[in-house]
Protein backbone atom coordinates (compact mmCIF):
# COMPACT_ATOMS: atom_id res chain seq x y z
CA MET A 1 6.38 -5.40 -15.57
CA ALA A 2 8.67 -3.93 -12.95
CA ILE A 3 8.34 -1.27 -10.27
CA ASN A 4 11.27 1.04 -9.50
CA LEU A 5 10.86 3.17 -6.37
CA ASP A 6 12.78 6.30 -5.36
CA ASN A 7 12.82 4.97 -1.74
CA SER A 8 11.75 1.81 0.06
CA GLU A 9 11.05 3.33 3.49
CA PHE A 10 8.28 5.86 4.20
CA HIS A 11 6.43 7.71 6.96
CA PRO A 12 2.85 9.02 7.15
CA GLY A 13 2.57 12.09 4.91
CA ASP A 14 5.36 10.92 2.57
CA GLU A 15 4.84 10.42 -1.13
CA VAL A 16 5.52 7.00 -2.61
CA LYS A 17 7.25 7.90 -5.90
CA GLY A 18 8.49 5.62 -8.60
CA THR A 19 8.16 4.31 -12.11
CA LEU A 20 6.10 1.39 -13.35
CA ILE A 21 7.92 -0.18 -16.29
CA LEU A 22 5.64 -2.06 -18.65
CA THR A 23 7.35 -4.41 -21.10
CA THR A 24 5.36 -6.21 -23.80
CA LYS A 25 6.42 -8.18 -26.89
CA HIS A 26 3.43 -6.86 -28.84
CA PRO A 27 0.54 -4.42 -28.16
CA VAL A 28 -1.88 -5.70 -25.50
CA LYS A 29 -5.53 -4.61 -25.28
CA ALA A 30 -6.28 -3.81 -21.64
CA ARG A 31 -8.94 -2.06 -19.55
CA SER A 32 -6.52 -0.08 -17.40
CA LEU A 33 -3.09 0.23 -15.89
CA GLU A 34 -3.13 0.77 -12.15
CA VAL A 35 -0.68 1.15 -9.31
CA ARG A 36 -1.62 0.99 -5.64
CA VAL A 37 -0.07 1.16 -2.22
CA TYR A 38 -1.68 -1.17 0.27
CA GLY A 39 -1.07 -2.65 3.68
CA TYR A 40 -2.49 -5.77 5.26
CA ARG A 41 -1.98 -7.92 8.29
CA GLU A 42 -2.78 -11.50 9.05
CA VAL A 43 -5.06 -11.95 12.04
CA ARG A 44 -5.56 -15.23 13.87
CA ARG A 45 -9.11 -15.79 15.07
CA LYS A 46 -10.63 -18.51 17.19
CA ASP A 47 -13.63 -20.35 15.87
CA PRO A 48 -16.57 -19.31 18.12
CA MET A 49 -18.10 -22.77 17.75
CA ASP A 50 -14.86 -24.63 18.51
CA PRO A 51 -12.31 -22.72 20.63
CA THR A 52 -9.62 -25.32 19.84
CA LYS A 53 -9.59 -24.24 16.17
CA THR A 54 -8.12 -21.03 14.79
CA GLU A 55 -8.07 -19.52 11.33
CA THR A 56 -5.79 -16.92 9.79
CA VAL A 57 -7.53 -14.12 7.93
CA ARG A 58 -5.85 -11.48 5.75
CA GLU A 59 -7.20 -8.07 6.75
CA THR A 60 -6.56 -5.13 4.41
CA ILE A 61 -5.74 -2.10 6.53
CA PHE A 62 -4.92 0.51 3.86
CA ASP A 63 -5.47 0.65 0.08
CA PHE A 64 -4.56 3.68 -2.05
CA PRO A 65 -5.09 2.91 -5.79
CA ARG A 66 -4.23 5.16 -8.73
CA THR A 67 -5.18 4.65 -12.39
CA LEU A 68 -2.21 5.48 -14.60
CA ASP A 69 -3.98 4.95 -17.93
CA THR A 70 -7.36 3.78 -19.24
CA GLU A 71 -8.58 1.31 -21.89
CA LYS A 72 -6.32 1.09 -24.93
CA ASP A 73 -3.65 -1.01 -26.64
CA TYR A 74 -0.57 -1.00 -24.39
CA SER A 75 3.03 -1.31 -25.56
CA SER A 76 6.31 -1.11 -23.65
CA LYS A 77 6.49 2.18 -21.77
CA GLU A 78 7.51 3.74 -18.46
CA TYR A 79 4.83 5.33 -16.25
CA PRO A 80 5.95 7.63 -13.41
CA PHE A 81 3.65 7.77 -10.38
CA ALA A 82 3.36 9.44 -6.99
CA ILE A 83 0.91 8.31 -4.32
CA PRO A 84 0.73 10.46 -1.17
CA LEU A 85 0.27 8.67 2.12
CA PRO A 86 -2.09 10.57 4.42
CA SER A 87 -0.41 12.25 7.37
CA SER A 88 -3.09 10.76 9.63
CA LEU A 89 -2.46 7.27 8.31
CA TYR A 90 -2.90 5.61 11.69
CA GLY A 91 -5.92 7.47 12.98
CA GLY A 92 -6.80 10.98 14.04
CA LYS A 93 -4.14 13.50 14.93
CA MET A 94 -3.76 14.79 18.43
CA PRO A 95 -3.73 18.56 18.96
CA LYS A 96 -0.25 20.08 19.32
CA LEU A 97 0.54 20.72 22.98
CA ASP A 98 3.49 22.57 24.54
CA GLY A 99 5.85 21.65 27.35
CA ALA A 100 5.98 18.36 29.24
CA LEU A 101 2.37 17.57 28.34
CA GLY A 102 3.20 18.00 24.65
CA ALA A 103 6.23 15.73 24.92
CA ALA A 104 4.17 13.07 26.70
CA ALA A 105 1.38 13.32 24.09
CA GLU A 106 3.94 12.99 21.26
CA ALA A 107 5.50 9.91 22.92
CA ALA A 108 2.05 8.34 23.38
CA SER A 109 1.16 9.06 19.76
CA LEU A 110 4.38 7.42 18.50
CA ALA A 111 3.78 4.38 20.71
CA MET A 112 0.19 4.02 19.43
CA ASN A 113 1.39 4.27 15.80
CA ALA A 114 3.94 1.55 16.47
CA LEU A 115 1.23 -0.72 17.89
CA LYS A 116 -1.16 -0.06 15.02
CA THR A 117 1.47 -0.77 12.37
CA SER A 118 3.00 -3.86 13.96
CA GLY A 119 2.44 -6.79 11.68
CA VAL A 120 1.25 -4.65 8.74
CA ARG A 121 2.92 -5.66 5.48
CA TRP A 122 3.11 -2.87 2.92
CA TYR A 123 3.37 -3.22 -0.86
CA VAL A 124 3.33 -1.21 -4.06
CA GLU A 125 1.56 -3.18 -6.78
CA GLY A 126 1.13 -2.50 -10.48
CA LYS A 127 -1.44 -4.26 -12.64
CA LEU A 128 -2.39 -4.24 -16.31
CA ASP A 129 -6.04 -5.38 -16.38
CA ILE A 130 -6.47 -7.60 -19.45
CA PRO A 131 -10.11 -8.59 -20.14
CA GLY A 132 -10.55 -12.32 -20.78
CA GLY A 133 -6.85 -12.93 -20.24
CA ARG A 134 -4.22 -13.18 -17.58
CA ASP A 135 -3.41 -9.80 -15.99
CA ILE A 136 0.19 -8.63 -15.94
CA ALA A 137 1.19 -7.64 -12.41
CA SER A 138 4.16 -6.92 -10.19
CA ARG A 139 4.59 -5.89 -6.58
CA THR A 140 7.37 -4.81 -4.29
CA ARG A 141 7.45 -4.59 -0.52
CA ILE A 142 7.98 -1.28 1.26
CA ILE A 143 8.31 -0.17 4.87
CA VAL A 144 5.97 2.42 6.40
CA ARG A 145 6.95 3.49 9.93
């Protein structure tokens, strides 16, 4: 399995477009074929019982799955996909203001988006869900600014 993307860098409101290329030697019975765009960050937390210890936890921030096909016998094939990223990806939108106040609000909004996305790792992942067997999967990293 491979994932070919039209672009590797995106912004809120953009569409993540590409093709999932499934390659099999023989037909494979599977529950579904899915593609998803997701973002996560690793967060370090202190143990409340022992402040000298920390743990790293993977926190999923965004997850946008799409089912490309349902249960059937799968053979080699290309599956185009498009997953829109919400325009309010990083929280609610501020009302549009004019003049100096509008410029200041826009700058503040951009700064807040930068803070919220710092450390978020974004991926596009494809998966063929094979019951009772090993799933076939692939992922590729993308940038969302």
